[in-house]
Amino acid sequence: MENYSSEEDEKFMRLAIDEARKAAMRDEVPIGAVVVCGGRAIARAHNLTEALTDPTAHAEMQAITAATSYLGGKYLTDCTLYVTVEPCLMCAGAIAWSQMGRVVYGAADDKRGYHTYCASPFHKKTQVTAGVLADECSRLVTNFFRGKR
């Protein structure tokens, strides 16, 4: 697994934030995800649950599907997933099945994040980094729901 600096983590998280903004423009919950492999973003995605009328069309699920398609295999052991909000338990399961090498997320999700159900649902070798650009990631979601009220 490659080592990324906090500067690189912020760079790739900003790409995920760009995806989250695309979701917000489509009136989707603004969560974005990017899969990085070999120092390159190989998949970018955002929530599409409304557009696809599919509760499983979370940003992480879309990004994992795109990354495995790009690489031609089901395992993402040499990849890092950047996601603006802590993955839910469903997405954490998909991350585990893909054997993602590393997960980096921005804002914690105390209502639906995986940590509310278990400490670590990921593959035993998966590294997790939390809190990258957390305030910016959190503001996107807070502002979105504030606008809904």
C-alpha atoms as a PDB file:
ATOM      1  CA  MET A   1       0.000   0.000   0.000  1.00  0.00           C
ATOM      2  CA  GLU A   2       1.335   3.394  -0.965  1.00  0.00           C
ATOM      3  CA  ASN A   3       1.945   6.028   1.678  1.00  0.00           C
ATOM      4  CA  TYR A   4       0.143   9.317   1.128  1.00  0.00           C
ATOM      5  CA  SER A   5       0.988  12.582   2.836  1.00  0.00           C
ATOM      6  CA  SER A   6      -1.688  14.761   4.404  1.00  0.00           C
ATOM      7  CA  GLU A   7      -1.203  17.114   1.433  1.00  0.00           C
ATOM      8  CA  GLU A   8      -2.024  14.286  -1.006  1.00  0.00           C
ATOM      9  CA  ASP A   9      -4.967  13.206   1.131  1.00  0.00           C
ATOM     10  CA  GLU A  10      -6.348  16.744   0.957  1.00  0.00           C
ATOM     11  CA  LYS A  11      -5.781  16.896  -2.802  1.00  0.00           C
ATOM     12  CA  PHE A  12      -7.782  13.723  -3.423  1.00  0.00           C
ATOM     13  CA  MET A  13     -10.428  14.644  -0.845  1.00  0.00           C
ATOM     14  CA  ARG A  14     -10.976  17.876  -2.784  1.00  0.00           C
ATOM     15  CA  LEU A  15     -11.805  15.729  -5.833  1.00  0.00           C
ATOM     16  CA  ALA A  16     -14.356  13.877  -3.695  1.00  0.00           C
ATOM     17  CA  ILE A  17     -15.757  17.232  -2.536  1.00  0.00           C
ATOM     18  CA  ASP A  18     -16.147  18.233  -6.195  1.00  0.00           C
ATOM     19  CA  GLU A  19     -18.189  15.056  -6.693  1.00  0.00           C
ATOM     20  CA  ALA A  20     -20.296  15.875  -3.633  1.00  0.00           C
ATOM     21  CA  ARG A  21     -21.072  19.284  -5.132  1.00  0.00           C
ATOM     22  CA  LYS A  22     -22.211  17.555  -8.344  1.00  0.00           C
ATOM     23  CA  ALA A  23     -24.583  15.459  -6.235  1.00  0.00           C
ATOM     24  CA  ALA A  24     -25.991  18.567  -4.560  1.00  0.00           C
ATOM     25  CA  MET A  25     -26.626  20.161  -7.961  1.00  0.00           C
ATOM     26  CA  ARG A  26     -28.711  17.078  -8.822  1.00  0.00           C
ATOM     27  CA  ASP A  27     -30.597  17.361  -5.525  1.00  0.00           C
ATOM     28  CA  GLU A  28     -28.847  14.258  -4.209  1.00  0.00           C
ATOM     29  CA  VAL A  29     -27.366  14.070  -0.707  1.00  0.00           C
ATOM     30  CA  PRO A  30     -23.931  15.646  -1.313  1.00  0.00           C
ATOM     31  CA  ILE A  31     -21.523  12.797  -0.793  1.00  0.00           C
ATOM     32  CA  GLY A  32     -18.666  12.198  -3.196  1.00  0.00           C
ATOM     33  CA  ALA A  33     -16.088   9.447  -3.568  1.00  0.00           C
ATOM     34  CA  VAL A  34     -12.851   8.942  -5.475  1.00  0.00           C
ATOM     35  CA  VAL A  35     -10.750   5.787  -5.824  1.00  0.00           C
ATOM     36  CA  VAL A  36      -7.024   6.368  -6.228  1.00  0.00           C
ATOM     37  CA  CYS A  37      -4.548   3.774  -7.441  1.00  0.00           C
ATOM     38  CA  GLY A  38      -0.903   4.372  -8.269  1.00  0.00           C
ATOM     39  CA  GLY A  39      -1.259   8.048  -7.407  1.00  0.00           C
ATOM     40  CA  ARG A  40      -4.061   8.556  -9.971  1.00  0.00           C
ATOM     41  CA  ALA A  41      -7.800   8.961  -9.550  1.00  0.00           C
ATOM     42  CA  ILE A  42      -9.237   5.977 -11.441  1.00  0.00           C
ATOM     43  CA  ALA A  43     -12.885   6.405 -10.399  1.00  0.00           C
ATOM     44  CA  ARG A  44     -15.043   9.348  -9.334  1.00  0.00           C
ATOM     45  CA  ALA A  45     -18.634   9.150  -8.194  1.00  0.00           C
ATOM     46  CA  HIS A  46     -21.379  10.795  -6.166  1.00  0.00           C
ATOM     47  CA  ASN A  47     -24.706   9.736  -4.717  1.00  0.00           C
ATOM     48  CA  LEU A  48     -27.261   8.746  -7.345  1.00  0.00           C
ATOM     49  CA  THR A  49     -29.997   7.303  -5.135  1.00  0.00           C
ATOM     50  CA  GLU A  50     -32.631   9.771  -6.327  1.00  0.00           C
ATOM     51  CA  ALA A  51     -31.680   9.693 -10.017  1.00  0.00           C
ATOM     52  CA  LEU A  52     -31.617   5.889 -10.107  1.00  0.00           C
ATOM     53  CA  THR A  53     -34.366   5.404  -7.495  1.00  0.00           C
ATOM     54  CA  ASP A  54     -31.959   2.946  -5.908  1.00  0.00           C
ATOM     55  CA  PRO A  55     -31.124   3.041  -2.192  1.00  0.00           C
ATOM     56  CA  THR A  56     -27.829   1.258  -2.892  1.00  0.00           C
ATOM     57  CA  ALA A  57     -26.557   3.924  -5.324  1.00  0.00           C
ATOM     58  CA  HIS A  58     -24.296   5.558  -2.756  1.00  0.00           C
ATOM     59  CA  ALA A  59     -21.142   7.357  -3.890  1.00  0.00           C
ATOM     60  CA  GLU A  60     -18.892   4.625  -2.500  1.00  0.00           C
ATOM     61  CA  MET A  61     -20.787   1.854  -4.278  1.00  0.00           C
ATOM     62  CA  GLN A  62     -20.625   3.744  -7.576  1.00  0.00           C
ATOM     63  CA  ALA A  63     -16.895   4.418  -7.143  1.00  0.00           C
ATOM     64  CA  ILE A  64     -16.095   0.792  -6.259  1.00  0.00           C
ATOM     65  CA  THR A  65     -17.981  -0.451  -9.320  1.00  0.00           C
ATOM     66  CA  ALA A  66     -16.182   2.021 -11.586  1.00  0.00           C
ATOM     67  CA  ALA A  67     -12.762   1.190 -10.104  1.00  0.00           C
ATOM     68  CA  THR A  68     -13.168  -2.582 -10.401  1.00  0.00           C
ATOM     69  CA  SER A  69     -14.374  -2.145 -13.957  1.00  0.00           C
ATOM     70  CA  TYR A  70     -11.367   0.052 -14.758  1.00  0.00           C
ATOM     71  CA  LEU A  71      -8.892  -2.395 -13.209  1.00  0.00           C
ATOM     72  CA  GLY A  72     -10.632  -5.520 -14.493  1.00  0.00           C
ATOM     73  CA  GLY A  73     -10.813  -7.288 -11.149  1.00  0.00           C
ATOM     74  CA  LYS A  74     -12.883  -7.355  -7.985  1.00  0.00           C
ATOM     75  CA  TYR A  75     -10.138  -6.546  -5.479  1.00  0.00           C
ATOM     76  CA  LEU A  76      -8.882  -3.045  -4.762  1.00  0.00           C
ATOM     77  CA  THR A  77      -6.052  -3.941  -2.388  1.00  0.00           C
ATOM     78  CA  ASP A  78      -3.696  -1.341  -3.865  1.00  0.00           C
ATOM     79  CA  CYS A  79      -6.288   1.435  -3.893  1.00  0.00           C
ATOM     80  CA  THR A  80      -7.477   4.183  -1.578  1.00  0.00           C
ATOM     81  CA  LEU A  81     -11.095   5.283  -1.347  1.00  0.00           C
ATOM     82  CA  TYR A  82     -11.633   8.951  -0.503  1.00  0.00           C
ATOM     83  CA  VAL A  83     -15.180   9.738   0.597  1.00  0.00           C
ATOM     84  CA  THR A  84     -16.553  12.961   2.029  1.00  0.00           C
ATOM     85  CA  VAL A  85     -18.640  11.316   4.760  1.00  0.00           C
ATOM     86  CA  GLU A  86     -17.988   8.207   6.845  1.00  0.00           C
ATOM     87  CA  PRO A  87     -19.345   5.180   4.959  1.00  0.00           C
ATOM     88  CA  CYS A  88     -22.572   3.578   6.112  1.00  0.00           C
ATOM     89  CA  LEU A  89     -22.598  -0.088   7.072  1.00  0.00           C
ATOM     90  CA  MET A  90     -23.755  -1.165   3.579  1.00  0.00           C
ATOM     91  CA  CYS A  91     -20.884   0.686   1.913  1.00  0.00           C
ATOM     92  CA  ALA A  92     -18.442  -0.541   4.549  1.00  0.00           C
ATOM     93  CA  GLY A  93     -19.432  -4.099   3.636  1.00  0.00           C
ATOM     94  CA  ALA A  94     -18.752  -3.424  -0.050  1.00  0.00           C
ATOM     95  CA  ILE A  95     -15.435  -1.819   0.880  1.00  0.00           C
ATOM     96  CA  ALA A  96     -14.561  -4.936   2.859  1.00  0.00           C
ATOM     97  CA  TRP A  97     -15.530  -7.276   0.011  1.00  0.00           C
ATOM     98  CA  SER A  98     -13.390  -5.245  -2.404  1.00  0.00           C
ATOM     99  CA  GLN A  99     -10.482  -5.509   0.050  1.00  0.00           C
ATOM    100  CA  MET A 100      -9.795  -1.790  -0.345  1.00  0.00           C
ATOM    101  CA  GLY A 101      -6.296  -1.031   0.863  1.00  0.00           C
ATOM    102  CA  ARG A 102      -7.150   2.248   2.508  1.00  0.00           C
ATOM    103  CA  VAL A 103     -10.207   4.357   3.326  1.00  0.00           C
ATOM    104  CA  VAL A 104      -9.978   8.101   3.908  1.00  0.00           C
ATOM    105  CA  TYR A 105     -13.100   9.973   4.930  1.00  0.00           C
ATOM    106  CA  GLY A 106     -13.934  13.535   5.848  1.00  0.00           C
ATOM    107  CA  ALA A 107     -16.898  14.021   8.167  1.00  0.00           C
ATOM    108  CA  ALA A 108     -18.000  11.450  10.722  1.00  0.00           C
ATOM    109  CA  ASP A 109     -21.629  10.319  10.556  1.00  0.00           C
ATOM    110  CA  ASP A 110     -22.924   9.732  14.077  1.00  0.00           C
ATOM    111  CA  LYS A 111     -26.362   8.637  12.842  1.00  0.00           C
ATOM    112  CA  ARG A 112     -25.592   6.204  10.031  1.00  0.00           C
ATOM    113  CA  GLY A 113     -21.818   5.815   9.870  1.00  0.00           C
ATOM    114  CA  TYR A 114     -20.359   2.334  10.221  1.00  0.00           C
ATOM    115  CA  HIS A 115     -18.823   3.176  13.609  1.00  0.00           C
ATOM    116  CA  THR A 116     -22.301   3.329  15.163  1.00  0.00           C
ATOM    117  CA  TYR A 117     -22.639  -0.409  14.449  1.00  0.00           C
ATOM    118  CA  CYS A 118     -19.116  -1.770  14.796  1.00  0.00           C
ATOM    119  CA  ALA A 119     -15.543  -0.628  15.240  1.00  0.00           C
ATOM    120  CA  SER A 120     -14.087  -1.923  11.983  1.00  0.00           C
ATOM    121  CA  PRO A 121     -16.115  -3.747   9.359  1.00  0.00           C
ATOM    122  CA  PHE A 122     -13.309  -3.534   6.798  1.00  0.00           C
ATOM    123  CA  HIS A 123     -10.784  -6.119   5.653  1.00  0.00           C
ATOM    124  CA  LYS A 124      -8.187  -6.675   8.363  1.00  0.00           C
ATOM    125  CA  LYS A 125      -5.447  -5.009   6.270  1.00  0.00           C
ATOM    126  CA  THR A 126      -7.472  -1.904   5.387  1.00  0.00           C
ATOM    127  CA  GLN A 127      -6.026   1.293   6.816  1.00  0.00           C
ATOM    128  CA  VAL A 128      -8.455   4.045   7.828  1.00  0.00           C
ATOM    129  CA  THR A 129      -7.804   7.785   8.062  1.00  0.00           C
ATOM    130  CA  ALA A 130     -10.664   9.940   9.362  1.00  0.00           C
ATOM    131  CA  GLY A 131     -11.236  13.673   9.487  1.00  0.00           C
ATOM    132  CA  VAL A 132      -9.568  14.877   6.275  1.00  0.00           C
ATOM    133  CA  LEU A 133     -11.162  18.262   5.462  1.00  0.00           C
ATOM    134  CA  ALA A 134     -13.927  17.242   7.870  1.00  0.00           C
ATOM    135  CA  ASP A 135     -15.355  20.734   8.382  1.00  0.00           C
ATOM    136  CA  GLU A 136     -15.724  21.379   4.662  1.00  0.00           C
ATOM    137  CA  CYS A 137     -17.258  17.938   4.090  1.00  0.00           C
ATOM    138  CA  SER A 138     -19.652  18.371   7.003  1.00  0.00           C
ATOM    139  CA  ARG A 139     -20.755  21.835   5.835  1.00  0.00           C
ATOM    140  CA  LEU A 140     -21.815  20.438   2.446  1.00  0.00           C
ATOM    141  CA  VAL A 141     -24.240  17.989   4.071  1.00  0.00           C
ATOM    142  CA  THR A 142     -25.435  20.410   6.767  1.00  0.00           C
ATOM    143  CA  ASN A 143     -26.169  23.139   4.215  1.00  0.00           C
ATOM    144  CA  PHE A 144     -27.962  20.686   1.946  1.00  0.00           C
ATOM    145  CA  PHE A 145     -30.344  19.519   4.674  1.00  0.00           C
ATOM    146  CA  ARG A 146     -30.772  23.058   6.022  1.00  0.00           C
ATOM    147  CA  GLY A 147     -32.010  24.016   2.548  1.00  0.00           C
ATOM    148  CA  LYS A 148     -34.543  21.155   2.665  1.00  0.00           C
ATOM    149  CA  ARG A 149     -36.214  22.436   5.832  1.00  0.00           C
END
